[in-house]
């Protein structure tokens, strides 16, 4: 940290993080617990979201590596260059 402004920003952000964490814990303790079937459904939904996200990311890398993301090229330009008068 080079100057006083950066330390002030870091302190403000740390204080905000502490307040948000405290508020989240207070709300979490104030609400009733979820039944077992709700936890199971939530776990399955999170697992599916992770699988879909990983699959789409892998597809993006695969597509880029195979060259499917390159711009379309037409072959008519090469044919027309040879037939010019």
N, C-alpha and C. Protein backbone atom coordinates (compact mmCIF):
# COMPACT_ATOMS: atom_id res chain seq x y z
N UNK A 1 0.84 -1.18 0.00
CA UNK A 1 0.00 0.00 0.00
C UNK A 1 0.88 1.24 0.00
N UNK A 2 0.68 2.06 -0.96
CA UNK A 2 1.57 3.20 -1.14
C UNK A 2 1.14 4.45 -0.41
N UNK A 3 -0.15 4.73 -0.42
CA UNK A 3 -0.54 5.99 0.18
C UNK A 3 -1.69 5.82 1.17
N UNK A 4 -2.03 6.92 1.80
CA UNK A 4 -3.04 6.92 2.84
C UNK A 4 -4.43 6.59 2.28
N UNK A 5 -4.70 6.99 1.05
CA UNK A 5 -6.00 6.73 0.43
C UNK A 5 -6.27 5.24 0.25
N UNK A 6 -5.25 4.50 -0.10
CA UNK A 6 -5.42 3.06 -0.27
C UNK A 6 -5.70 2.38 1.06
N UNK A 7 -5.02 2.82 2.12
CA UNK A 7 -5.28 2.26 3.45
C UNK A 7 -6.70 2.60 3.90
N UNK A 8 -7.14 3.81 3.60
CA UNK A 8 -8.50 4.21 3.97
C UNK A 8 -9.54 3.37 3.22
N UNK A 9 -9.31 3.15 1.95
CA UNK A 9 -10.22 2.31 1.15
C UNK A 9 -10.24 0.89 1.67
N UNK A 10 -9.08 0.33 1.96
CA UNK A 10 -8.99 -1.03 2.48
C UNK A 10 -9.71 -1.15 3.83
N UNK A 11 -9.55 -0.17 4.68
CA UNK A 11 -10.23 -0.17 5.98
C UNK A 11 -11.74 -0.09 5.81
N UNK A 12 -12.21 0.76 4.92
CA UNK A 12 -13.65 0.90 4.68
C UNK A 12 -14.23 -0.40 4.12
N UNK A 13 -13.53 -1.03 3.19
CA UNK A 13 -14.02 -2.27 2.61
C UNK A 13 -14.02 -3.41 3.63
N UNK A 14 -13.00 -3.45 4.48
CA UNK A 14 -12.96 -4.47 5.53
C UNK A 14 -14.10 -4.27 6.53
N UNK A 15 -14.37 -3.03 6.89
CA UNK A 15 -15.49 -2.74 7.80
C UNK A 15 -16.82 -3.13 7.16
N UNK A 16 -16.98 -2.84 5.88
CA UNK A 16 -18.20 -3.22 5.18
C UNK A 16 -18.36 -4.73 5.13
N UNK A 17 -17.27 -5.45 4.91
CA UNK A 17 -17.32 -6.91 4.89
C UNK A 17 -17.74 -7.45 6.25
N UNK A 18 -17.24 -6.89 7.32
CA UNK A 18 -17.60 -7.33 8.67
C UNK A 18 -19.08 -7.08 8.94
N UNK A 19 -19.57 -5.91 8.55
CA UNK A 19 -20.99 -5.59 8.76
C UNK A 19 -21.88 -6.53 7.96
N UNK A 20 -21.54 -6.79 6.73
CA UNK A 20 -22.36 -7.68 5.89
C UNK A 20 -22.34 -9.10 6.45
N UNK A 21 -21.18 -9.56 6.90
CA UNK A 21 -21.08 -10.89 7.49
C UNK A 21 -21.93 -10.98 8.76
N UNK A 22 -21.86 -9.97 9.60
CA UNK A 22 -22.66 -9.95 10.83
C UNK A 22 -24.15 -9.98 10.51
N UNK A 23 -24.58 -9.19 9.52
CA UNK A 23 -25.99 -9.15 9.13
C UNK A 23 -26.44 -10.50 8.58
N UNK A 24 -25.63 -11.14 7.76
CA UNK A 24 -25.98 -12.44 7.20
C UNK A 24 -26.13 -13.49 8.29
N UNK A 25 -25.23 -13.49 9.26
CA UNK A 25 -25.33 -14.45 10.36
C UNK A 25 -26.57 -14.18 11.20
N UNK A 26 -26.89 -12.91 11.44
CA UNK A 26 -28.08 -12.56 12.22
C UNK A 26 -29.36 -13.03 11.52
N UNK A 27 -29.44 -12.82 10.23
CA UNK A 27 -30.63 -13.26 9.48
C UNK A 27 -30.69 -14.78 9.45
N UNK A 28 -29.56 -15.44 9.28
CA UNK A 28 -29.50 -16.89 9.23
C UNK A 28 -29.99 -17.50 10.53
N UNK A 29 -29.62 -16.92 11.66
CA UNK A 29 -30.04 -17.45 12.95
C UNK A 29 -31.49 -17.12 13.28
N UNK A 30 -32.02 -16.06 12.66
CA UNK A 30 -33.39 -15.65 12.95
C UNK A 30 -34.43 -16.46 12.17
N UNK A 31 -34.04 -17.10 11.09
CA UNK A 31 -34.99 -17.86 10.28
C UNK A 31 -35.02 -19.31 10.73
N UNK A 32 -36.17 -19.97 10.57
CA UNK A 32 -36.24 -21.38 10.96
C UNK A 32 -35.43 -22.25 10.00
N UNK A 33 -35.02 -23.40 10.49
CA UNK A 33 -34.20 -24.28 9.66
C UNK A 33 -35.04 -24.91 8.56
N UNK A 34 -34.39 -25.27 7.48
CA UNK A 34 -35.05 -25.87 6.33
C UNK A 34 -35.19 -27.37 6.57
N UNK A 35 -36.28 -27.98 6.12
CA UNK A 35 -36.42 -29.43 6.29
C UNK A 35 -35.41 -30.19 5.43
N UNK A 36 -35.26 -31.46 5.71
CA UNK A 36 -34.26 -32.29 5.03
C UNK A 36 -34.48 -32.33 3.53
N UNK A 37 -35.73 -32.45 3.07
CA UNK A 37 -35.97 -32.52 1.63
C UNK A 37 -35.56 -31.22 0.94
N UNK A 38 -35.67 -30.11 1.63
CA UNK A 38 -35.24 -28.84 1.06
C UNK A 38 -33.73 -28.79 0.88
N UNK A 39 -33.01 -29.31 1.87
CA UNK A 39 -31.55 -29.37 1.75
C UNK A 39 -31.12 -30.30 0.62
N UNK A 40 -31.83 -31.40 0.44
CA UNK A 40 -31.50 -32.34 -0.64
C UNK A 40 -31.75 -31.69 -1.99
N UNK A 41 -32.88 -31.03 -2.14
CA UNK A 41 -33.20 -30.35 -3.40
C UNK A 41 -32.18 -29.26 -3.69
N UNK A 42 -31.82 -28.49 -2.67
CA UNK A 42 -30.82 -27.43 -2.84
C UNK A 42 -29.48 -28.01 -3.25
N UNK A 43 -29.06 -29.12 -2.65
CA UNK A 43 -27.80 -29.76 -3.01
C UNK A 43 -27.79 -30.27 -4.44
N UNK A 44 -28.90 -30.88 -4.85
CA UNK A 44 -28.99 -31.38 -6.23
C UNK A 44 -28.96 -30.22 -7.22
N UNK A 45 -29.66 -29.15 -6.91
CA UNK A 45 -29.68 -27.99 -7.81
C UNK A 45 -28.30 -27.36 -7.92
N UNK A 46 -27.60 -27.25 -6.80
CA UNK A 46 -26.24 -26.69 -6.85
C UNK A 46 -25.31 -27.59 -7.65
N UNK A 47 -25.44 -28.89 -7.48
CA UNK A 47 -24.60 -29.83 -8.22
C UNK A 47 -24.86 -29.72 -9.72
N UNK A 48 -26.12 -29.63 -10.11
CA UNK A 48 -26.44 -29.48 -11.53
C UNK A 48 -25.92 -28.16 -12.09
N UNK A 49 -26.00 -27.10 -11.30
CA UNK A 49 -25.48 -25.81 -11.76
C UNK A 49 -23.98 -25.88 -11.98
N UNK A 50 -23.26 -26.55 -11.09
CA UNK A 50 -21.81 -26.69 -11.25
C UNK A 50 -21.49 -27.54 -12.48
N UNK A 51 -22.22 -28.63 -12.68
CA UNK A 51 -21.98 -29.50 -13.84
C UNK A 51 -22.25 -28.76 -15.14
N UNK A 52 -23.34 -28.01 -15.20
CA UNK A 52 -23.67 -27.26 -16.42
C UNK A 52 -22.62 -26.18 -16.67
N UNK A 53 -22.22 -25.47 -15.62
CA UNK A 53 -21.20 -24.43 -15.77
C UNK A 53 -19.87 -25.00 -16.25
N UNK A 54 -19.45 -26.12 -15.67
CA UNK A 54 -18.20 -26.75 -16.10
C UNK A 54 -18.31 -27.26 -17.53
N UNK A 55 -19.45 -27.83 -17.88
CA UNK A 55 -19.65 -28.32 -19.24
C UNK A 55 -19.61 -27.22 -20.27
N UNK A 56 -20.26 -26.11 -19.98
CA UNK A 56 -20.25 -24.99 -20.92
C UNK A 56 -18.86 -24.38 -21.05
N UNK A 57 -18.13 -24.32 -19.96
CA UNK A 57 -16.76 -23.80 -20.02
C UNK A 57 -15.87 -24.73 -20.84
N UNK A 58 -16.00 -26.03 -20.62
CA UNK A 58 -15.22 -26.99 -21.40
C UNK A 58 -15.58 -26.91 -22.88
N UNK A 59 -16.86 -26.74 -23.18
CA UNK A 59 -17.29 -26.61 -24.58
C UNK A 59 -16.72 -25.35 -25.21
N UNK A 60 -16.64 -24.28 -24.45
CA UNK A 60 -16.06 -23.04 -24.96
C UNK A 60 -14.58 -23.24 -25.31
N UNK A 61 -13.82 -23.89 -24.43
CA UNK A 61 -12.41 -24.12 -24.70
C UNK A 61 -12.23 -25.09 -25.88
N UNK A 62 -13.06 -26.11 -25.96
CA UNK A 62 -12.98 -27.07 -27.05
C UNK A 62 -13.28 -26.38 -28.38
N UNK A 63 -14.31 -25.55 -28.39
CA UNK A 63 -14.70 -24.86 -29.62
C UNK A 63 -13.60 -23.92 -30.08
N UNK A 64 -12.98 -23.23 -29.14
CA UNK A 64 -11.91 -22.29 -29.50
C UNK A 64 -10.69 -23.04 -30.04
N UNK A 65 -10.37 -24.16 -29.43
CA UNK A 65 -9.17 -24.92 -29.85
C UNK A 65 -9.37 -25.55 -31.23
N UNK A 66 -10.59 -25.96 -31.56
CA UNK A 66 -10.85 -26.57 -32.86
C UNK A 66 -11.01 -25.55 -33.98
N UNK A 67 -11.08 -24.27 -33.63
CA UNK A 67 -11.20 -23.23 -34.64
C UNK A 67 -12.62 -22.89 -35.03
N UNK A 68 -13.59 -23.35 -34.27
CA UNK A 68 -14.98 -23.05 -34.61
C UNK A 68 -15.34 -21.59 -34.34
N UNK A 69 -14.52 -20.88 -33.60
CA UNK A 69 -14.81 -19.49 -33.27
C UNK A 69 -14.18 -18.51 -34.26
N UNK A 70 -13.52 -19.03 -35.28
CA UNK A 70 -12.90 -18.16 -36.27
C UNK A 70 -14.00 -17.55 -37.15
N UNK A 71 -13.75 -16.36 -37.70
CA UNK A 71 -14.75 -15.76 -38.58
C UNK A 71 -14.92 -16.58 -39.86
N UNK A 72 -16.11 -16.52 -40.41
CA UNK A 72 -16.40 -17.28 -41.63
C UNK A 72 -15.62 -16.71 -42.81
N UNK A 73 -15.11 -17.59 -43.66
CA UNK A 73 -14.39 -17.18 -44.86
C UNK A 73 -15.08 -17.79 -46.07
N UNK A 74 -15.17 -17.03 -47.11
CA UNK A 74 -15.78 -17.54 -48.33
C UNK A 74 -14.69 -17.87 -49.34
N UNK A 75 -14.96 -18.86 -50.17
CA UNK A 75 -14.00 -19.27 -51.19
C UNK A 75 -14.22 -18.52 -52.49
N UNK A 76 -15.29 -17.74 -52.60
CA UNK A 76 -15.57 -17.03 -53.84
C UNK A 76 -14.55 -15.94 -54.12
N UNK A 77 -13.94 -15.39 -53.09
CA UNK A 77 -12.95 -14.35 -53.29
C UNK A 77 -11.74 -14.91 -54.03
N UNK A 78 -11.28 -16.08 -53.68
CA UNK A 78 -10.14 -16.70 -54.35
C UNK A 78 -10.47 -17.05 -55.80
N UNK A 79 -11.67 -17.50 -56.07
CA UNK A 79 -12.08 -17.84 -57.44
C UNK A 79 -12.15 -16.58 -58.31
N UNK A 80 -12.68 -15.49 -57.77
CA UNK A 80 -12.83 -14.26 -58.54
C UNK A 80 -11.48 -13.61 -58.84
N UNK A 81 -10.48 -13.79 -57.99
CA UNK A 81 -9.17 -13.18 -58.23
C UNK A 81 -8.49 -13.83 -59.43
N UNK A 82 -8.69 -15.12 -59.67
CA UNK A 82 -8.06 -15.80 -60.81
C UNK A 82 -8.72 -15.49 -62.12
N UNK A 83 -9.97 -15.05 -62.12
CA UNK A 83 -10.72 -14.81 -63.35
C UNK A 83 -10.79 -13.34 -63.71
N UNK A 84 -9.98 -12.50 -63.11
CA UNK A 84 -10.08 -11.06 -63.40
C UNK A 84 -9.50 -10.77 -64.79
N UNK A 85 -10.07 -9.80 -65.48
CA UNK A 85 -9.62 -9.44 -66.84
C UNK A 85 -8.62 -8.38 -66.84
